[in-house]
């Protein structure tokens, strides 16, 4: 499964939350040490900012999957909702 190559700001995967899927654009990555990361390698743990193209019902603490081409390439938890 998963990706074998890095991804960069501007990456547009599908975000799956419960039964809903929506495309989102990832604009920024932050490494665990707080530094801004220019790219994300497979296996990295990061915080990211993503903007979804459509509004969906989502709450802080919800889990989501990141999918690309029918494969799950990442997973996460909503830590903050930016209006």
PDB file of N, CA and C in Angstrom:
ATOM      1  N   UNK A   1       0.841  -1.206   0.000  1.00  0.00           N
ATOM      2  CA  UNK A   1       0.000   0.000   0.000  1.00  0.00           C
ATOM      3  C   UNK A   1       0.862   1.236   0.000  1.00  0.00           C
ATOM      4  N   UNK A   2       0.241   2.377   0.225  1.00  0.00           N
ATOM      5  CA  UNK A   2       0.926   3.638   0.443  1.00  0.00           C
ATOM      6  C   UNK A   2       1.728   4.174  -0.727  1.00  0.00           C
ATOM      7  N   UNK A   3       2.298   5.336  -0.506  1.00  0.00           N
ATOM      8  CA  UNK A   3       3.148   5.996  -1.497  1.00  0.00           C
ATOM      9  C   UNK A   3       4.584   5.529  -1.336  1.00  0.00           C
ATOM     10  N   UNK A   4       5.343   5.665  -2.397  1.00  0.00           N
ATOM     11  CA  UNK A   4       6.772   5.343  -2.343  1.00  0.00           C
ATOM     12  C   UNK A   4       7.618   6.563  -2.670  1.00  0.00           C
ATOM     13  N   UNK A   5       6.960   7.693  -2.953  1.00  0.00           N
ATOM     14  CA  UNK A   5       7.654   8.934  -3.303  1.00  0.00           C
ATOM     15  C   UNK A   5       7.159  10.050  -2.384  1.00  0.00           C
ATOM     16  N   UNK A   6       7.949  11.115  -2.220  1.00  0.00           N
ATOM     17  CA  UNK A   6       7.529  12.218  -1.349  1.00  0.00           C
ATOM     18  C   UNK A   6       6.392  13.016  -1.973  1.00  0.00           C
ATOM     19  N   UNK A   7       5.723  13.824  -1.143  1.00  0.00           N
ATOM     20  CA  UNK A   7       4.786  14.798  -1.690  1.00  0.00           C
ATOM     21  C   UNK A   7       5.082  16.165  -1.102  1.00  0.00           C
ATOM     22  N   UNK A   8       4.540  17.182  -1.749  1.00  0.00           N
ATOM     23  CA  UNK A   8       4.918  18.574  -1.516  1.00  0.00           C
ATOM     24  C   UNK A   8       3.666  19.418  -1.285  1.00  0.00           C
ATOM     25  N   UNK A   9       3.822  20.660  -0.769  1.00  0.00           N
ATOM     26  CA  UNK A   9       2.660  21.550  -0.673  1.00  0.00           C
ATOM     27  C   UNK A   9       1.975  21.660  -2.036  1.00  0.00           C
ATOM     28  N   UNK A  10       0.647  21.680  -2.022  1.00  0.00           N
ATOM     29  CA  UNK A  10      -0.122  21.692  -3.260  1.00  0.00           C
ATOM     30  C   UNK A  10      -0.676  20.320  -3.606  1.00  0.00           C
ATOM     31  N   UNK A  11      -0.218  19.276  -2.907  1.00  0.00           N
ATOM     32  CA  UNK A  11      -0.717  17.907  -3.099  1.00  0.00           C
ATOM     33  C   UNK A  11      -2.225  17.891  -2.843  1.00  0.00           C
ATOM     34  N   UNK A  12      -2.990  17.211  -3.721  1.00  0.00           N
ATOM     35  CA  UNK A  12      -4.456  17.210  -3.631  1.00  0.00           C
ATOM     36  C   UNK A  12      -5.025  15.785  -3.550  1.00  0.00           C
ATOM     37  N   UNK A  13      -4.926  15.144  -2.403  1.00  0.00           N
ATOM     38  CA  UNK A  13      -5.497  13.798  -2.253  1.00  0.00           C
ATOM     39  C   UNK A  13      -6.977  13.864  -1.865  1.00  0.00           C
ATOM     40  N   UNK A  14      -7.580  12.690  -1.726  1.00  0.00           N
ATOM     41  CA  UNK A  14      -8.938  12.565  -1.198  1.00  0.00           C
ATOM     42  C   UNK A  14      -8.840  12.361   0.310  1.00  0.00           C
ATOM     43  N   UNK A  15      -9.687  13.067   1.045  1.00  0.00           N
ATOM     44  CA  UNK A  15      -9.783  12.894   2.492  1.00  0.00           C
ATOM     45  C   UNK A  15     -11.079  12.143   2.781  1.00  0.00           C
ATOM     46  N   UNK A  16     -10.977  11.026   3.495  1.00  0.00           N
ATOM     47  CA  UNK A  16     -12.147  10.228   3.853  1.00  0.00           C
ATOM     48  C   UNK A  16     -12.416  10.398   5.337  1.00  0.00           C
ATOM     49  N   UNK A  17     -13.610  10.922   5.655  1.00  0.00           N
ATOM     50  CA  UNK A  17     -14.035  11.118   7.038  1.00  0.00           C
ATOM     51  C   UNK A  17     -15.356  10.380   7.200  1.00  0.00           C
ATOM     52  N   UNK A  18     -15.379   9.369   8.043  1.00  0.00           N
ATOM     53  CA  UNK A  18     -16.552   8.501   8.202  1.00  0.00           C
ATOM     54  C   UNK A  18     -16.989   7.994   6.835  1.00  0.00           C
ATOM     55  N   UNK A  19     -18.156   8.425   6.355  1.00  0.00           N
ATOM     56  CA  UNK A  19     -18.654   7.926   5.061  1.00  0.00           C
ATOM     57  C   UNK A  19     -18.500   8.946   3.944  1.00  0.00           C
ATOM     58  N   UNK A  20     -17.841  10.056   4.215  1.00  0.00           N
ATOM     59  CA  UNK A  20     -17.711  11.148   3.246  1.00  0.00           C
ATOM     60  C   UNK A  20     -16.296  11.197   2.688  1.00  0.00           C
ATOM     61  N   UNK A  21     -16.182  11.479   1.394  1.00  0.00           N
ATOM     62  CA  UNK A  21     -14.855  11.743   0.839  1.00  0.00           C
ATOM     63  C   UNK A  21     -14.891  13.065   0.097  1.00  0.00           C
ATOM     64  N   UNK A  22     -13.808  13.809   0.212  1.00  0.00           N
ATOM     65  CA  UNK A  22     -13.707  15.122  -0.416  1.00  0.00           C
ATOM     66  C   UNK A  22     -12.239  15.388  -0.742  1.00  0.00           C
ATOM     67  N   UNK A  23     -12.005  16.055  -1.863  1.00  0.00           N
ATOM     68  CA  UNK A  23     -10.644  16.450  -2.231  1.00  0.00           C
ATOM     69  C   UNK A  23     -10.220  17.633  -1.374  1.00  0.00           C
ATOM     70  N   UNK A  24      -8.959  17.648  -0.994  1.00  0.00           N
ATOM     71  CA  UNK A  24      -8.406  18.770  -0.251  1.00  0.00           C
ATOM     72  C   UNK A  24      -7.030  19.104  -0.771  1.00  0.00           C
ATOM     73  N   UNK A  25      -6.625  20.353  -0.586  1.00  0.00           N
ATOM     74  CA  UNK A  25      -5.289  20.798  -0.977  1.00  0.00           C
ATOM     75  C   UNK A  25      -4.462  21.012   0.281  1.00  0.00           C
ATOM     76  N   UNK A  26      -3.317  20.359   0.350  1.00  0.00           N
ATOM     77  CA  UNK A  26      -2.423  20.508   1.493  1.00  0.00           C
ATOM     78  C   UNK A  26      -1.503  21.694   1.217  1.00  0.00           C
ATOM     79  N   UNK A  27      -1.528  22.679   2.129  1.00  0.00           N
ATOM     80  CA  UNK A  27      -0.773  23.907   1.879  1.00  0.00           C
ATOM     81  C   UNK A  27       0.525  23.990   2.667  1.00  0.00           C
ATOM     82  N   UNK A  28       0.613  23.278   3.792  1.00  0.00           N
ATOM     83  CA  UNK A  28       1.798  23.437   4.645  1.00  0.00           C
ATOM     84  C   UNK A  28       1.996  22.203   5.507  1.00  0.00           C
ATOM     85  N   UNK A  29       3.252  21.858   5.747  1.00  0.00           N
ATOM     86  CA  UNK A  29       3.614  20.741   6.623  1.00  0.00           C
ATOM     87  C   UNK A  29       4.478  21.268   7.759  1.00  0.00           C
ATOM     88  N   UNK A  30       4.292  20.719   8.945  1.00  0.00           N
ATOM     89  CA  UNK A  30       5.142  21.052  10.079  1.00  0.00           C
ATOM     90  C   UNK A  30       5.657  19.745  10.670  1.00  0.00           C
ATOM     91  N   UNK A  31       6.962  19.653  10.875  1.00  0.00           N
ATOM     92  CA  UNK A  31       7.577  18.459  11.465  1.00  0.00           C
ATOM     93  C   UNK A  31       7.278  18.408  12.961  1.00  0.00           C
ATOM     94  N   UNK A  32       7.525  17.263  13.593  1.00  0.00           N
ATOM     95  CA  UNK A  32       7.284  17.100  15.033  1.00  0.00           C
ATOM     96  C   UNK A  32       8.044  18.122  15.875  1.00  0.00           C
ATOM     97  N   UNK A  33       9.212  18.570  15.393  1.00  0.00           N
ATOM     98  CA  UNK A  33      10.005  19.548  16.155  1.00  0.00           C
ATOM     99  C   UNK A  33       9.537  20.984  15.933  1.00  0.00           C
ATOM    100  N   UNK A  34       8.458  21.184  15.143  1.00  0.00           N
ATOM    101  CA  UNK A  34       7.909  22.515  14.921  1.00  0.00           C
ATOM    102  C   UNK A  34       8.446  23.227  13.698  1.00  0.00           C
ATOM    103  N   UNK A  35       9.448  22.651  13.033  1.00  0.00           N
ATOM    104  CA  UNK A  35      10.003  23.300  11.841  1.00  0.00           C
ATOM    105  C   UNK A  35       9.100  23.042  10.633  1.00  0.00           C
ATOM    106  N   UNK A  36       9.090  23.988   9.702  1.00  0.00           N
ATOM    107  CA  UNK A  36       8.301  23.832   8.482  1.00  0.00           C
ATOM    108  C   UNK A  36       9.036  22.878   7.550  1.00  0.00           C
ATOM    109  N   UNK A  37       8.344  21.860   7.079  1.00  0.00           N
ATOM    110  CA  UNK A  37       8.941  20.869   6.180  1.00  0.00           C
ATOM    111  C   UNK A  37       8.603  21.237   4.739  1.00  0.00           C
ATOM    112  N   UNK A  38       9.572  21.105   3.846  1.00  0.00           N
ATOM    113  CA  UNK A  38       9.369  21.415   2.426  1.00  0.00           C
ATOM    114  C   UNK A  38       8.718  20.258   1.679  1.00  0.00           C
ATOM    115  N   UNK A  39       8.927  19.037   2.189  1.00  0.00           N
ATOM    116  CA  UNK A  39       8.320  17.857   1.568  1.00  0.00           C
ATOM    117  C   UNK A  39       8.114  16.802   2.640  1.00  0.00           C
ATOM    118  N   UNK A  40       7.275  15.824   2.328  1.00  0.00           N
ATOM    119  CA  UNK A  40       6.984  14.743   3.266  1.00  0.00           C
ATOM    120  C   UNK A  40       7.367  13.425   2.614  1.00  0.00           C
ATOM    121  N   UNK A  41       8.177  12.654   3.314  1.00  0.00           N
ATOM    122  CA  UNK A  41       8.594  11.339   2.833  1.00  0.00           C
ATOM    123  C   UNK A  41       7.662  10.276   3.412  1.00  0.00           C
ATOM    124  N   UNK A  42       7.492   9.155   2.717  1.00  0.00           N
ATOM    125  CA  UNK A  42       6.688   8.066   3.277  1.00  0.00           C
ATOM    126  C   UNK A  42       7.200   7.688   4.667  1.00  0.00           C
ATOM    127  N   UNK A  43       6.276   7.552   5.624  1.00  0.00           N
ATOM    128  CA  UNK A  43       6.636   7.202   6.994  1.00  0.00           C
ATOM    129  C   UNK A  43       6.804   8.389   7.922  1.00  0.00           C
ATOM    130  N   UNK A  44       6.891   9.617   7.384  1.00  0.00           N
ATOM    131  CA  UNK A  44       7.039  10.805   8.225  1.00  0.00           C
ATOM    132  C   UNK A  44       5.766  11.067   9.034  1.00  0.00           C
ATOM    133  N   UNK A  45       5.956  11.574  10.259  1.00  0.00           N
ATOM    134  CA  UNK A  45       4.837  12.073  11.076  1.00  0.00           C
ATOM    135  C   UNK A  45       4.868  13.579  10.988  1.00  0.00           C
ATOM    136  N   UNK A  46       3.753  14.168  10.598  1.00  0.00           N
ATOM    137  CA  UNK A  46       3.709  15.620  10.417  1.00  0.00           C
ATOM    138  C   UNK A  46       2.388  16.182  10.918  1.00  0.00           C
ATOM    139  N   UNK A  47       2.372  17.505  11.051  1.00  0.00           N
ATOM    140  CA  UNK A  47       1.120  18.252  11.154  1.00  0.00           C
ATOM    141  C   UNK A  47       0.977  18.956   9.818  1.00  0.00           C
ATOM    142  N   UNK A  48      -0.257  19.085   9.331  1.00  0.00           N
ATOM    143  CA  UNK A  48      -0.448  19.728   8.038  1.00  0.00           C
ATOM    144  C   UNK A  48      -1.686  20.595   8.071  1.00  0.00           C
ATOM    145  N   UNK A  49      -1.699  21.559   7.161  1.00  0.00           N
ATOM    146  CA  UNK A  49      -2.870  22.391   6.946  1.00  0.00           C
ATOM    147  C   UNK A  49      -3.448  22.000   5.601  1.00  0.00           C
ATOM    148  N   UNK A  50      -4.744  21.679   5.595  1.00  0.00           N
ATOM    149  CA  UNK A  50      -5.408  21.276   4.353  1.00  0.00           C
ATOM    150  C   UNK A  50      -6.709  22.049   4.214  1.00  0.00           C
ATOM    151  N   UNK A  51      -7.017  22.453   2.991  1.00  0.00           N
ATOM    152  CA  UNK A  51      -8.285  23.120   2.701  1.00  0.00           C
ATOM    153  C   UNK A  51      -9.108  22.201   1.816  1.00  0.00           C
ATOM    154  N   UNK A  52     -10.311  21.865   2.284  1.00  0.00           N
ATOM    155  CA  UNK A  52     -11.193  20.983   1.529  1.00  0.00           C
ATOM    156  C   UNK A  52     -11.953  21.789   0.480  1.00  0.00           C
ATOM    157  N   UNK A  53     -12.206  21.185  -0.688  1.00  0.00           N
ATOM    158  CA  UNK A  53     -12.862  21.936  -1.766  1.00  0.00           C
ATOM    159  C   UNK A  53     -14.355  22.117  -1.517  1.00  0.00           C
ATOM    160  N   UNK A  54     -14.947  21.266  -0.671  1.00  0.00           N
ATOM    161  CA  UNK A  54     -16.356  21.393  -0.294  1.00  0.00           C
ATOM    162  C   UNK A  54     -16.467  21.308   1.217  1.00  0.00           C
ATOM    163  N   UNK A  55     -17.426  22.049   1.810  1.00  0.00           N
ATOM    164  CA  UNK A  55     -17.614  21.921   3.259  1.00  0.00           C
ATOM    165  C   UNK A  55     -18.212  20.554   3.593  1.00  0.00           C
ATOM    166  N   UNK A  56     -17.743  19.952   4.677  1.00  0.00           N
ATOM    167  CA  UNK A  56     -18.301  18.679   5.152  1.00  0.00           C
ATOM    168  C   UNK A  56     -18.477  18.772   6.664  1.00  0.00           C
ATOM    169  N   UNK A  57     -19.286  17.858   7.214  1.00  0.00           N
ATOM    170  CA  UNK A  57     -19.466  17.788   8.668  1.00  0.00           C
ATOM    171  C   UNK A  57     -18.221  17.135   9.259  1.00  0.00           C
ATOM    172  N   UNK A  58     -17.473  17.912  10.019  1.00  0.00           N
ATOM    173  CA  UNK A  58     -16.226  17.407  10.602  1.00  0.00           C
ATOM    174  C   UNK A  58     -16.008  18.109  11.935  1.00  0.00           C
ATOM    175  N   UNK A  59     -15.436  17.397  12.887  1.00  0.00           N
ATOM    176  CA  UNK A  59     -15.196  17.960  14.209  1.00  0.00           C
ATOM    177  C   UNK A  59     -13.777  17.654  14.654  1.00  0.00           C
ATOM    178  N   UNK A  60     -13.298  18.482  15.562  1.00  0.00           N
ATOM    179  CA  UNK A  60     -11.983  18.252  16.150  1.00  0.00           C
ATOM    180  C   UNK A  60     -11.968  16.867  16.788  1.00  0.00           C
ATOM    181  N   UNK A  61     -10.874  16.136  16.605  1.00  0.00           N
ATOM    182  CA  UNK A  61     -10.728  14.805  17.176  1.00  0.00           C
ATOM    183  C   UNK A  61     -11.154  13.681  16.248  1.00  0.00           C
ATOM    184  N   UNK A  62     -11.822  14.016  15.137  1.00  0.00           N
ATOM    185  CA  UNK A  62     -12.242  12.971  14.197  1.00  0.00           C
ATOM    186  C   UNK A  62     -11.039  12.421  13.447  1.00  0.00           C
ATOM    187  N   UNK A  63     -11.086  11.135  13.148  1.00  0.00           N
ATOM    188  CA  UNK A  63     -10.029  10.489  12.369  1.00  0.00           C
ATOM    189  C   UNK A  63     -10.378  10.560  10.895  1.00  0.00           C
ATOM    190  N   UNK A  64      -9.349  10.585  10.057  1.00  0.00           N
ATOM    191  CA  UNK A  64      -9.556  10.599   8.609  1.00  0.00           C
ATOM    192  C   UNK A  64      -8.474   9.775   7.937  1.00  0.00           C
ATOM    193  N   UNK A  65      -8.780   9.339   6.724  1.00  0.00           N
ATOM    194  CA  UNK A  65      -7.801   8.638   5.890  1.00  0.00           C
ATOM    195  C   UNK A  65      -7.491   9.532   4.699  1.00  0.00           C
ATOM    196  N   UNK A  66      -6.266   9.460   4.218  1.00  0.00           N
ATOM    197  CA  UNK A  66      -5.852  10.174   3.008  1.00  0.00           C
ATOM    198  C   UNK A  66      -5.651   9.112   1.944  1.00  0.00           C
ATOM    199  N   UNK A  67      -6.368   9.266   0.821  1.00  0.00           N
ATOM    200  CA  UNK A  67      -6.316   8.243  -0.220  1.00  0.00           C
ATOM    201  C   UNK A  67      -5.939   8.867  -1.554  1.00  0.00           C
ATOM    202  N   UNK A  68      -5.283   8.045  -2.358  1.00  0.00           N
ATOM    203  CA  UNK A  68      -4.835   8.467  -3.686  1.00  0.00           C
ATOM    204  C   UNK A  68      -4.951   7.251  -4.600  1.00  0.00           C
ATOM    205  N   UNK A  69      -5.693   7.392  -5.675  1.00  0.00           N
ATOM    206  CA  UNK A  69      -5.811   6.298  -6.638  1.00  0.00           C
ATOM    207  C   UNK A  69      -6.317   5.001  -6.035  1.00  0.00           C
ATOM    208  N   UNK A  70      -7.257   5.095  -5.083  1.00  0.00           N
ATOM    209  CA  UNK A  70      -7.825   3.898  -4.482  1.00  0.00           C
ATOM    210  C   UNK A  70      -6.994   3.268  -3.380  1.00  0.00           C
ATOM    211  N   UNK A  71      -5.851   3.882  -3.037  1.00  0.00           N
ATOM    212  CA  UNK A  71      -4.991   3.347  -1.969  1.00  0.00           C
ATOM    213  C   UNK A  71      -4.924   4.336  -0.819  1.00  0.00           C
ATOM    214  N   UNK A  72      -4.904   3.818   0.394  1.00  0.00           N
ATOM    215  CA  UNK A  72      -4.713   4.679   1.557  1.00  0.00           C
ATOM    216  C   UNK A  72      -3.229   5.013   1.659  1.00  0.00           C
ATOM    217  N   UNK A  73      -2.916   6.306   1.680  1.00  0.00           N
ATOM    218  CA  UNK A  73      -1.515   6.741   1.740  1.00  0.00           C
ATOM    219  C   UNK A  73      -1.188   7.457   3.051  1.00  0.00           C
ATOM    220  N   UNK A  74      -2.203   7.655   3.891  1.00  0.00           N
ATOM    221  CA  UNK A  74      -1.959   8.312   5.164  1.00  0.00           C
ATOM    222  C   UNK A  74      -3.211   8.301   6.014  1.00  0.00           C
ATOM    223  N   UNK A  75      -3.047   8.677   7.266  1.00  0.00           N
ATOM    224  CA  UNK A  75      -4.166   8.755   8.199  1.00  0.00           C
ATOM    225  C   UNK A  75      -3.853   9.838   9.210  1.00  0.00           C
ATOM    226  N   UNK A  76      -4.898  10.383   9.810  1.00  0.00           N
ATOM    227  CA  UNK A  76      -4.660  11.439  10.778  1.00  0.00           C
ATOM    228  C   UNK A  76      -5.863  11.713  11.647  1.00  0.00           C
ATOM    229  N   UNK A  77      -5.703  12.731  12.493  1.00  0.00           N
ATOM    230  CA  UNK A  77      -6.741  13.188  13.405  1.00  0.00           C
ATOM    231  C   UNK A  77      -6.864  14.695  13.223  1.00  0.00           C
ATOM    232  N   UNK A  78      -8.100  15.192  13.169  1.00  0.00           N
ATOM    233  CA  UNK A  78      -8.337  16.633  13.054  1.00  0.00           C
ATOM    234  C   UNK A  78      -7.949  17.281  14.379  1.00  0.00           C
ATOM    235  N   UNK A  79      -6.967  18.188  14.351  1.00  0.00           N
ATOM    236  CA  UNK A  79      -6.524  18.839  15.583  1.00  0.00           C
ATOM    237  C   UNK A  79      -7.119  20.235  15.736  1.00  0.00           C
ATOM    238  N   UNK A  80      -7.494  20.849  14.624  1.00  0.00           N
ATOM    239  CA  UNK A  80      -8.034  22.211  14.670  1.00  0.00           C
ATOM    240  C   UNK A  80      -8.815  22.454  13.395  1.00  0.00           C
ATOM    241  N   UNK A  81      -9.925  23.192  13.516  1.00  0.00           N
ATOM    242  CA  UNK A  81     -10.703  23.568  12.335  1.00  0.00           C
ATOM    243  C   UNK A  81     -10.540  25.066  12.151  1.00  0.00           C
ATOM    244  N   UNK A  82     -10.066  25.458  10.987  1.00  0.00           N
ATOM    245  CA  UNK A  82      -9.855  26.867  10.657  1.00  0.00           C
ATOM    246  C   UNK A  82     -11.008  27.290   9.765  1.00  0.00           C
ATOM    247  N   UNK A  83     -11.764  28.254  10.191  1.00  0.00           N
ATOM    248  CA  UNK A  83     -12.949  28.682   9.425  1.00  0.00           C
ATOM    249  C   UNK A  83     -12.547  29.388   8.147  1.00  0.00           C
TER     250      UNK A  83
END
